[in-house]
Structures are given as structure tokens and as C-alpha cells.
C-alpha atoms as a PDB file:
ATOM      1  CA  MET A   1     -36.727  41.625  17.966  1.00  0.00           C
ATOM      2  CA  ARG A   2     -34.165  42.406  15.554  1.00  0.00           C
ATOM      3  CA  LEU A   3     -33.633  46.200  14.595  1.00  0.00           C
ATOM      4  CA  TYR A   4     -31.106  47.125  11.978  1.00  0.00           C
ATOM      5  CA  ASN A   5     -29.285  50.361  11.307  1.00  0.00           C
ATOM      6  CA  GLN A   6     -29.347  49.645   7.403  1.00  0.00           C
ATOM      7  CA  CYS A   7     -30.714  50.644   4.397  1.00  0.00           C
ATOM      8  CA  PRO A   8     -34.104  48.435   3.834  1.00  0.00           C
ATOM      9  CA  VAL A   9     -33.308  47.993   0.244  1.00  0.00           C
ATOM     10  CA  VAL A  10     -30.005  46.624   1.113  1.00  0.00           C
ATOM     11  CA  PHE A  11     -31.481  44.435   4.194  1.00  0.00           C
ATOM     12  CA  MET A  12     -34.235  42.951   2.125  1.00  0.00           C
ATOM     13  CA  ALA A  13     -31.771  41.958  -0.953  1.00  0.00           C
ATOM     14  CA  GLY A  14     -30.165  39.737   1.590  1.00  0.00           C
ATOM     15  CA  PHE A  15     -33.096  37.222   1.788  1.00  0.00           C
ATOM     16  CA  SER A  16     -33.995  34.601  -1.117  1.00  0.00           C
ATOM     17  CA  SER A  17     -37.205  33.595   0.252  1.00  0.00           C
ATOM     18  CA  PRO A  18     -40.167  35.402   1.832  1.00  0.00           C
ATOM     19  CA  PHE A  19     -40.393  35.586   5.452  1.00  0.00           C
ATOM     20  CA  VAL A  20     -42.787  38.290   6.549  1.00  0.00           C
ATOM     21  CA  ASP A  21     -46.438  37.789   7.655  1.00  0.00           C
ATOM     22  CA  LEU A  22     -47.252  41.659   8.151  1.00  0.00           C
ATOM     23  CA  THR A  23     -45.762  45.238   7.333  1.00  0.00           C
ATOM     24  CA  VAL A  24     -46.877  48.299   9.032  1.00  0.00           C
ATOM     25  CA  THR A  25     -44.940  51.358   8.003  1.00  0.00           C
ATOM     26  CA  SER A  26     -45.273  55.035   6.699  1.00  0.00           C
ATOM     27  CA  PRO A  27     -42.605  55.941   4.364  1.00  0.00           C
ATOM     28  CA  PRO A  28     -40.982  59.448   4.101  1.00  0.00           C
ATOM     29  CA  TYR A  29     -43.488  60.570   1.318  1.00  0.00           C
ATOM     30  CA  ASP A  30     -42.838  63.727  -0.781  1.00  0.00           C
ATOM     31  CA  ASP A  31     -40.562  66.099   1.672  1.00  0.00           C
ATOM     32  CA  MET A  32     -42.973  66.857   3.853  1.00  0.00           C
ATOM     33  CA  ARG A  33     -40.699  66.661   6.908  1.00  0.00           C
ATOM     34  CA  THR A  34     -36.727  67.069   7.580  1.00  0.00           C
ATOM     35  CA  TYR A  35     -35.015  64.258   9.109  1.00  0.00           C
ATOM     36  CA  THR A  36     -31.798  64.139  11.048  1.00  0.00           C
ATOM     37  CA  GLU A  37     -30.284  62.521   7.823  1.00  0.00           C
ATOM     38  CA  GLN A  38     -31.955  63.647   4.938  1.00  0.00           C
ATOM     39  CA  VAL A  39     -32.153  60.735   2.237  1.00  0.00           C
ATOM     40  CA  GLU A  40     -33.569  61.243  -1.142  1.00  0.00           C
ATOM     41  CA  TRP A  41     -37.001  59.862  -1.337  1.00  0.00           C
ATOM     42  CA  ASN A  42     -37.909  59.804  -5.094  1.00  0.00           C
ATOM     43  CA  TRP A  43     -39.923  57.111  -7.601  1.00  0.00           C
ATOM     44  CA  ASP A  44     -36.772  54.910  -7.750  1.00  0.00           C
ATOM     45  CA  ALA A  45     -36.069  54.778  -4.037  1.00  0.00           C
ATOM     46  CA  PHE A  46     -39.940  54.087  -3.580  1.00  0.00           C
ATOM     47  CA  THR A  47     -39.960  51.120  -6.194  1.00  0.00           C
ATOM     48  CA  ALA A  48     -36.835  49.819  -4.852  1.00  0.00           C
ATOM     49  CA  VAL A  49     -38.630  49.414  -1.354  1.00  0.00           C
ATOM     50  CA  ALA A  50     -41.799  48.148  -3.079  1.00  0.00           C
ATOM     51  CA  ASP A  51     -40.012  45.403  -4.928  1.00  0.00           C
ATOM     52  CA  GLY A  52     -38.061  44.544  -1.964  1.00  0.00           C
ATOM     53  CA  LEU A  53     -41.300  44.313  -0.090  1.00  0.00           C
ATOM     54  CA  GLU A  54     -42.941  42.169  -2.943  1.00  0.00           C
ATOM     55  CA  LYS A  55     -39.603  39.527  -2.440  1.00  0.00           C
ATOM     56  CA  VAL A  56     -39.924  39.343   1.412  1.00  0.00           C
ATOM     57  CA  THR A  57     -43.792  39.200   1.967  1.00  0.00           C
ATOM     58  CA  LYS A  58     -45.225  35.506   2.505  1.00  0.00           C
ATOM     59  CA  PRO A  59     -48.029  34.512   0.231  1.00  0.00           C
ATOM     60  CA  GLY A  60     -51.082  35.778   2.040  1.00  0.00           C
ATOM     61  CA  GLY A  61     -48.941  38.527   3.637  1.00  0.00           C
ATOM     62  CA  VAL A  62     -50.434  42.093   4.112  1.00  0.00           C
ATOM     63  CA  ILE A  63     -48.439  45.498   3.883  1.00  0.00           C
ATOM     64  CA  VAL A  64     -50.298  48.297   5.585  1.00  0.00           C
ATOM     65  CA  TRP A  65     -48.818  51.641   3.930  1.00  0.00           C
ATOM     66  CA  VAL A  66     -49.827  54.976   5.684  1.00  0.00           C
ATOM     67  CA  VAL A  67     -49.106  57.827   3.472  1.00  0.00           C
ATOM     68  CA  GLY A  68     -50.425  61.462   2.507  1.00  0.00           C
ATOM     69  CA  ASP A  69     -49.606  63.825  -0.244  1.00  0.00           C
ATOM     70  CA  ARG A  70     -47.998  67.287   0.022  1.00  0.00           C
ATOM     71  CA  THR A  71     -49.815  70.171  -1.824  1.00  0.00           C
ATOM     72  CA  ILE A  72     -47.213  71.678  -4.286  1.00  0.00           C
ATOM     73  CA  ASN A  73     -48.058  74.894  -6.219  1.00  0.00           C
ATOM     74  CA  GLY A  74     -51.636  74.583  -5.299  1.00  0.00           C
ATOM     75  CA  SER A  75     -51.950  70.717  -6.162  1.00  0.00           C
ATOM     76  CA  GLU A  76     -51.565  67.764  -4.182  1.00  0.00           C
ATOM     77  CA  SER A  77     -49.004  65.430  -5.483  1.00  0.00           C
ATOM     78  CA  GLY A  78     -50.823  62.284  -5.908  1.00  0.00           C
ATOM     79  CA  SER A  79     -47.676  60.104  -4.831  1.00  0.00           C
ATOM     80  CA  SER A  80     -49.818  57.988  -2.750  1.00  0.00           C
ATOM     81  CA  PHE A  81     -52.215  57.001  -5.640  1.00  0.00           C
ATOM     82  CA  ARG A  82     -49.106  56.380  -8.011  1.00  0.00           C
ATOM     83  CA  GLN A  83     -47.650  54.335  -5.265  1.00  0.00           C
ATOM     84  CA  ALA A  84     -50.657  52.150  -4.359  1.00  0.00           C
ATOM     85  CA  LEU A  85     -50.952  51.580  -8.572  1.00  0.00           C
ATOM     86  CA  TYR A  86     -47.348  50.247  -8.554  1.00  0.00           C
ATOM     87  CA  PHE A  87     -48.248  47.843  -5.757  1.00  0.00           C
ATOM     88  CA  GLN A  88     -50.708  46.561  -8.162  1.00  0.00           C
ATOM     89  CA  GLU A  89     -48.554  46.413 -10.996  1.00  0.00           C
ATOM     90  CA  ILE A  90     -45.975  44.163  -9.166  1.00  0.00           C
ATOM     91  CA  GLY A  91     -48.816  41.714  -8.067  1.00  0.00           C
ATOM     92  CA  PHE A  92     -50.337  42.998  -4.760  1.00  0.00           C
ATOM     93  CA  ARG A  93     -54.049  43.294  -4.445  1.00  0.00           C
ATOM     94  CA  LEU A  94     -55.351  46.603  -2.942  1.00  0.00           C
ATOM     95  CA  HIS A  95     -57.295  44.652  -0.521  1.00  0.00           C
ATOM     96  CA  ASP A  96     -58.720  47.905   0.962  1.00  0.00           C
ATOM     97  CA  THR A  97     -58.085  51.458   1.025  1.00  0.00           C
ATOM     98  CA  MET A  98     -58.474  52.870   4.698  1.00  0.00           C
ATOM     99  CA  ILE A  99     -58.260  56.339   6.249  1.00  0.00           C
ATOM    100  CA  TRP A 100     -56.741  57.514   9.337  1.00  0.00           C
ATOM    101  CA  ARG A 101     -58.912  60.102  10.367  1.00  0.00           C
ATOM    102  CA  LYS A 102     -57.445  62.702  12.915  1.00  0.00           C
ATOM    103  CA  SER A 103     -59.096  64.750  15.364  1.00  0.00           C
ATOM    104  CA  ASN A 104     -56.743  67.910  14.451  1.00  0.00           C
ATOM    105  CA  PHE A 105     -55.065  69.553  11.715  1.00  0.00           C
ATOM    106  CA  SER A 106     -51.576  70.980  11.370  1.00  0.00           C
ATOM    107  CA  SER A 107     -52.478  74.155   9.863  1.00  0.00           C
ATOM    108  CA  PRO A 108     -55.864  75.911   8.698  1.00  0.00           C
ATOM    109  CA  GLU A 109     -56.633  75.899   4.841  1.00  0.00           C
ATOM    110  CA  LYS A 110     -57.639  79.429   3.066  1.00  0.00           C
ATOM    111  CA  VAL A 111     -58.440  77.825  -0.219  1.00  0.00           C
ATOM    112  CA  ARG A 112     -59.389  74.333   0.559  1.00  0.00           C
ATOM    113  CA  TYR A 113     -61.166  72.188   3.397  1.00  0.00           C
ATOM    114  CA  HIS A 114     -58.769  71.416   6.365  1.00  0.00           C
ATOM    115  CA  GLN A 115     -56.696  68.367   5.674  1.00  0.00           C
ATOM    116  CA  THR A 116     -57.396  65.824   8.555  1.00  0.00           C
ATOM    117  CA  PHE A 117     -56.872  62.197   7.238  1.00  0.00           C
ATOM    118  CA  GLU A 118     -54.067  60.188   5.768  1.00  0.00           C
ATOM    119  CA  TYR A 119     -54.493  57.196   3.658  1.00  0.00           C
ATOM    120  CA  MET A 120     -53.926  53.615   5.009  1.00  0.00           C
ATOM    121  CA  PHE A 121     -53.393  51.329   1.700  1.00  0.00           C
ATOM    122  CA  VAL A 122     -53.741  47.603   2.712  1.00  0.00           C
ATOM    123  CA  PHE A 123     -51.998  45.408   0.188  1.00  0.00           C
ATOM    124  CA  SER A 124     -51.865  41.839   0.045  1.00  0.00           C
ATOM    125  CA  LYS A 125     -50.194  38.947  -1.615  1.00  0.00           C
ATOM    126  CA  GLY A 126     -53.067  37.058  -2.838  1.00  0.00           C
ATOM    127  CA  ALA A 127     -55.984  36.746  -0.445  1.00  0.00           C
ATOM    128  CA  PRO A 128     -55.120  37.627   3.284  1.00  0.00           C
ATOM    129  CA  LYS A 129     -54.518  34.413   5.278  1.00  0.00           C
ATOM    130  CA  THR A 130     -55.594  36.386   8.381  1.00  0.00           C
ATOM    131  CA  PHE A 131     -58.170  38.665   9.274  1.00  0.00           C
ATOM    132  CA  ASN A 132     -59.117  39.466  12.859  1.00  0.00           C
ATOM    133  CA  PRO A 133     -61.473  42.141  12.894  1.00  0.00           C
ATOM    134  CA  ILE A 134     -61.751  44.507  15.591  1.00  0.00           C
ATOM    135  CA  LYS A 135     -65.433  44.869  17.092  1.00  0.00           C
ATOM    136  CA  ASP A 136     -65.658  48.197  19.019  1.00  0.00           C
ATOM    137  CA  ARG A 137     -68.184  49.839  17.051  1.00  0.00           C
ATOM    138  CA  ALA A 138     -71.482  49.982  19.395  1.00  0.00           C
ATOM    139  CA  ASN A 139     -74.470  48.693  17.479  1.00  0.00           C
ATOM    140  CA  VAL A 140     -77.500  50.929  17.824  1.00  0.00           C
ATOM    141  CA  CYS A 141     -79.707  47.988  16.973  1.00  0.00           C
ATOM    142  CA  SER A 142     -78.055  45.589  19.593  1.00  0.00           C
ATOM    143  CA  GLY A 143     -80.422  42.824  20.578  1.00  0.00           C
ATOM    144  CA  LYS A 144     -83.102  43.530  17.940  1.00  0.00           C
ATOM    145  CA  VAL A 145     -83.130  41.193  14.882  1.00  0.00           C
ATOM    146  CA  GLY A 146     -82.235  42.875  11.752  1.00  0.00           C
ATOM    147  CA  SER A 147     -82.309  46.518  11.231  1.00  0.00           C
ATOM    148  CA  PHE A 148     -84.706  49.088   9.930  1.00  0.00           C
ATOM    149  CA  GLY A 149     -86.191  48.129   6.357  1.00  0.00           C
ATOM    150  CA  SER A 150     -85.522  45.140   4.242  1.00  0.00           C
ATOM    151  CA  ASN A 151     -82.261  43.249   4.593  1.00  0.00           C
ATOM    152  CA  THR A 152     -81.164  43.080   0.983  1.00  0.00           C
ATOM    153  CA  VAL A 153     -78.195  42.814  -1.468  1.00  0.00           C
ATOM    154  CA  THR A 154     -78.191  44.612  -4.593  1.00  0.00           C
ATOM    155  CA  GLN A 155     -77.311  42.219  -7.658  1.00  0.00           C
ATOM    156  CA  ARG A 156     -75.523  42.855 -10.672  1.00  0.00           C
ATOM    157  CA  ASP A 157     -78.551  43.338 -12.416  1.00  0.00           C
ATOM    158  CA  GLY A 158     -79.937  45.693 -10.104  1.00  0.00           C
ATOM    159  CA  GLY A 159     -82.302  43.102  -8.509  1.00  0.00           C
ATOM    160  CA  LYS A 160     -82.562  42.608  -4.601  1.00  0.00           C
ATOM    161  CA  LYS A 161     -81.607  39.444  -2.614  1.00  0.00           C
ATOM    162  CA  VAL A 162     -83.047  39.201   0.692  1.00  0.00           C
ATOM    163  CA  ARG A 163     -80.667  37.883   3.295  1.00  0.00           C
ATOM    164  CA  PRO A 164     -81.730  36.001   6.491  1.00  0.00           C
ATOM    165  CA  ARG A 165     -82.102  38.294   9.506  1.00  0.00           C
ATOM    166  CA  LYS A 166     -79.857  37.942  12.575  1.00  0.00           C
ATOM    167  CA  THR A 167     -79.732  39.184  16.460  1.00  0.00           C
ATOM    168  CA  ASN A 168     -77.716  42.088  16.175  1.00  0.00           C
ATOM    169  CA  THR A 169     -74.734  42.073  18.813  1.00  0.00           C
ATOM    170  CA  ALA A 170     -73.835  44.857  21.279  1.00  0.00           C
ATOM    171  CA  PHE A 171     -70.615  45.665  18.922  1.00  0.00           C
ATOM    172  CA  GLY A 172     -69.975  45.234  15.228  1.00  0.00           C
ATOM    173  CA  ALA A 173     -66.657  45.232  13.553  1.00  0.00           C
ATOM    174  CA  ARG A 174     -65.380  48.560  12.835  1.00  0.00           C
ATOM    175  CA  HIS A 175     -65.646  50.329   9.548  1.00  0.00           C
ATOM    176  CA  ASN A 176     -62.291  51.296   7.508  1.00  0.00           C
ATOM    177  CA  VAL A 177     -62.323  54.774   8.598  1.00  0.00           C
ATOM    178  CA  TRP A 178     -60.232  54.935  11.996  1.00  0.00           C
ATOM    179  CA  ASP A 179     -60.606  57.770  14.269  1.00  0.00           C
ATOM    180  CA  LEU A 180     -57.457  58.069  16.052  1.00  0.00           C
ATOM    181  CA  LYS A 181     -55.424  60.936  17.727  1.00  0.00           C
ATOM    182  CA  THR A 182     -52.079  61.976  16.371  1.00  0.00           C
ATOM    183  CA  ALA A 183     -48.886  61.471  18.353  1.00  0.00           C
ATOM    184  CA  GLY A 184     -48.642  64.793  19.128  1.00  0.00           C
ATOM    185  CA  GLN A 185     -51.959  64.481  21.024  1.00  0.00           C
ATOM    186  CA  THR A 186     -50.671  61.511  23.037  1.00  0.00           C
ATOM    187  CA  GLN A 187     -47.764  63.052  23.758  1.00  0.00           C
ATOM    188  CA  GLU A 188     -45.733  60.317  22.144  1.00  0.00           C
ATOM    189  CA  SER A 189     -43.717  62.788  19.638  1.00  0.00           C
ATOM    190  CA  LYS A 190     -42.862  65.047  22.663  1.00  0.00           C
ATOM    191  CA  ARG A 191     -41.199  62.517  24.661  1.00  0.00           C
ATOM    192  CA  TRP A 192     -39.717  60.577  21.577  1.00  0.00           C
ATOM    193  CA  LYS A 193     -38.076  63.109  19.269  1.00  0.00           C
ATOM    194  CA  HIS A 194     -39.074  62.287  15.779  1.00  0.00           C
ATOM    195  CA  PRO A 195     -40.900  64.539  13.282  1.00  0.00           C
ATOM    196  CA  ALA A 196     -43.451  62.098  11.938  1.00  0.00           C
ATOM    197  CA  MET A 197     -44.902  59.661  14.326  1.00  0.00           C
ATOM    198  CA  PHE A 198     -47.962  57.939  14.045  1.00  0.00           C
ATOM    199  CA  PRO A 199     -49.637  57.203  17.259  1.00  0.00           C
ATOM    200  CA  LEU A 200     -48.903  53.612  18.953  1.00  0.00           C
ATOM    201  CA  GLU A 201     -52.681  52.475  18.661  1.00  0.00           C
ATOM    202  CA  LEU A 202     -52.335  52.400  14.687  1.00  0.00           C
ATOM    203  CA  PRO A 203     -50.003  49.718  14.340  1.00  0.00           C
ATOM    204  CA  ILE A 204     -51.529  47.865  17.416  1.00  0.00           C
ATOM    205  CA  ASP A 205     -54.654  47.633  15.703  1.00  0.00           C
ATOM    206  CA  HIS A 206     -53.555  46.838  12.297  1.00  0.00           C
ATOM    207  CA  ILE A 207     -51.312  43.914  13.826  1.00  0.00           C
ATOM    208  CA  LEU A 208     -54.155  42.543  15.671  1.00  0.00           C
ATOM    209  CA  SER A 209     -56.158  42.724  12.507  1.00  0.00           C
ATOM    210  CA  TRP A 210     -53.729  41.355   9.740  1.00  0.00           C
ATOM    211  CA  SER A 211     -51.643  38.883  12.024  1.00  0.00           C
ATOM    212  CA  ASN A 212     -51.494  36.249  14.594  1.00  0.00           C
ATOM    213  CA  GLU A 213     -49.354  35.938  17.813  1.00  0.00           C
ATOM    214  CA  GLY A 214     -45.795  34.655  16.648  1.00  0.00           C
ATOM    215  CA  ASP A 215     -46.250  35.930  13.211  1.00  0.00           C
ATOM    216  CA  VAL A 216     -43.380  38.378  11.898  1.00  0.00           C
ATOM    217  CA  VAL A 217     -44.102  42.087  11.712  1.00  0.00           C
ATOM    218  CA  PHE A 218     -41.837  43.993   9.527  1.00  0.00           C
ATOM    219  CA  ASP A 219     -41.257  47.992   9.320  1.00  0.00           C
ATOM    220  CA  PRO A 220     -38.775  49.182   6.697  1.00  0.00           C
ATOM    221  CA  PHE A 221     -38.888  52.746   7.674  1.00  0.00           C
ATOM    222  CA  LEU A 222     -38.606  52.027  11.561  1.00  0.00           C
ATOM    223  CA  GLY A 223     -38.272  55.830  12.859  1.00  0.00           C
ATOM    224  CA  SER A 224     -38.781  55.926  16.528  1.00  0.00           C
ATOM    225  CA  GLY A 225     -39.579  52.409  16.700  1.00  0.00           C
ATOM    226  CA  THR A 226     -43.626  52.678  17.325  1.00  0.00           C
ATOM    227  CA  THR A 227     -44.320  49.872  15.072  1.00  0.00           C
ATOM    228  CA  ALA A 228     -41.767  47.546  17.218  1.00  0.00           C
ATOM    229  CA  VAL A 229     -42.942  48.515  20.369  1.00  0.00           C
ATOM    230  CA  ALA A 230     -46.648  47.748  19.129  1.00  0.00           C
ATOM    231  CA  ALA A 231     -45.215  44.207  17.684  1.00  0.00           C
ATOM    232  CA  ALA A 232     -43.875  43.570  21.320  1.00  0.00           C
ATOM    233  CA  ARG A 233     -47.197  44.183  22.994  1.00  0.00           C
ATOM    234  CA  THR A 234     -49.053  41.983  20.610  1.00  0.00           C
ATOM    235  CA  LYS A 235     -46.687  38.916  21.086  1.00  0.00           C
ATOM    236  CA  ARG A 236     -45.136  39.085  17.320  1.00  0.00           C
ATOM    237  CA  LEU A 237     -41.999  38.865  16.240  1.00  0.00           C
ATOM    238  CA  PHE A 238     -40.180  41.847  14.871  1.00  0.00           C
ATOM    239  CA  VAL A 239     -37.759  42.793  12.286  1.00  0.00           C
ATOM    240  CA  GLY A 240     -37.003  46.623  11.313  1.00  0.00           C
ATOM    241  CA  CYS A 241     -34.733  48.800   9.358  1.00  0.00           C
ATOM    242  CA  GLU A 242     -33.580  52.689   9.840  1.00  0.00           C
ATOM    243  CA  ILE A 243     -30.902  54.383   8.066  1.00  0.00           C
ATOM    244  CA  ALA A 244     -30.862  57.498  10.557  1.00  0.00           C
ATOM    245  CA  GLU A 245     -28.575  56.688  13.468  1.00  0.00           C
ATOM    246  CA  GLU A 246     -30.201  59.234  15.852  1.00  0.00           C
ATOM    247  CA  TYR A 247     -33.747  57.717  15.154  1.00  0.00           C
ATOM    248  CA  PHE A 248     -32.351  53.881  15.595  1.00  0.00           C
ATOM    249  CA  ASP A 249     -30.975  54.909  18.717  1.00  0.00           C
ATOM    250  CA  ILE A 250     -34.422  56.179  19.860  1.00  0.00           C
ATOM    251  CA  ALA A 251     -35.967  52.955  18.758  1.00  0.00           C
ATOM    252  CA  ILE A 252     -33.424  50.630  20.322  1.00  0.00           C
ATOM    253  CA  LYS A 253     -34.215  52.533  23.700  1.00  0.00           C
ATOM    254  CA  ARG A 254     -37.961  52.510  23.463  1.00  0.00           C
ATOM    255  CA  VAL A 255     -37.934  48.701  22.765  1.00  0.00           C
ATOM    256  CA  SER A 256     -35.360  48.211  25.530  1.00  0.00           C
ATOM    257  CA  LEU A 257     -37.777  49.859  27.739  1.00  0.00           C
ATOM    258  CA  GLU A 258     -40.766  48.060  26.488  1.00  0.00           C
ATOM    259  CA  GLU A 259     -39.226  44.628  27.299  1.00  0.00           C
ATOM    260  CA  GLU A 260     -38.089  45.772  30.715  1.00  0.00           C
ATOM    261  CA  ASN A 261     -41.790  46.525  31.587  1.00  0.00           C
ATOM    262  CA  THR A 262     -43.298  43.308  30.101  1.00  0.00           C
END
């Protein structure tokens, strides 16, 4: 477990070869939050981080990029999409566009539907070397052979190919929309004072999905240390950077408490 009170771009520049199996992070997108040490987050800052991640990510490695957009003058910024396209430009695959669907929202909208989700872009450097699907979705057809209707796959020409039927298990793999509480609902953000936390369950489940025990997990925007704690609980190695000293101290405390209790 290695945590650095350092700019992630500077940190990543110090490596000549890739060492990261999985990155799980949420950048300070747009200017939706005020941090204790306000650092300018613009396109150049983003591309510097993305380029650094391309350098340190192993072949087959994965990046989970949790991001949203601010509404400015009545229009969503679209920063999330531009970032996703840039990751593709520098050689990553957009392996999956996942959704973190929250069970509440921060404020009601008067001119549009309430905003209740964030994107979880999953980028991979080539084909992902690891995928351990979480199978906790209750199967309504458990124990039955096949499902309702014919089990077919639509071909490119519009034709149908029949697939063999299998007995349905009690639980199937999750879909790519995850229903997770916010850190406010789980009380995590009240205990650890940070303005933009995601719940511990989010990095735990991504770490379980895209890496194996002993792999290296990285978070270039460490914040309060949620990904670090998730890595400790899932028996992964961890490296993280946080430029704000106040948040870095919180992360150190969280990790120390986690290690004491394991």
C-alpha cells in the first residue's frame, strides 16, 4: 500500500514501464465541487493524466473512469464524452459504458428530468486480461431450461441463429447499470470530510470484476482513500496520489484503520 502526496502526472512520469493492472478513479470533472486546494482542471490537465495512464497501464489492463457533467447555461458540458473519445484516440478500447444509478438526487430539476446517474467508462489496453463477473442478479427463470420464446441471436443480415438452451441458474451476471447508494446515504461522507466521495461498494465491485488478488490497483485522484480501502479489503496491491494535503491525511488515516482491523 503506497500513497503519495504528489501530482499524479509527475508521479506517473517517473516510470519507464507499465505496472498498473487496474485504475479505479473519479477525476475532479468540470468545477462541480470546491476542494481545499483548488487545482485547475482543464483539458490540458486531463490529457496529461490520460497520457500518463496510457504509459503506466499494463497490456490487458483496465481503467474505470467515473465521471459526470456539469450543466452550464442550460447545457450539459459533455466533458465526459470528450474524455472517453480521447482515451480511444490514445489507444484504449472503450470496453463498456456503465452507469452508476443512484437512489436519490442532489436537487430537483425544474426544466429536465432529475439527474440520478454518473458514467463509469471502462477502458482497456487491448483485450482485458481479467473479467470476473459478479453474479448477484436473481434469475426469474431459475431452474428452468431456457427462457420464454426461442433462444436466438440476430445476425448481421437480419437472420436468426438458434442457440442451444441451458438450465438457468439461480443468479446471473449483473447488467452494466449498477444501483448503488451514494456516500452520503451510507454515511461515509459524514465520517470522512470530502465533498465528492463515491461509496466503498463501487470500487470494491470494480476491483473484483477487473483484477485478481495480488494485482496492482491505482488511483491518481486518491481523495479520501476509498479505492485504497477497497483494494485492501480485496487483497490487491495499491498505489495512489492525492495533491491536497488535507485529503491525503484523511486517506492515510482510513488506510491505517483498515490495516489495523484486518
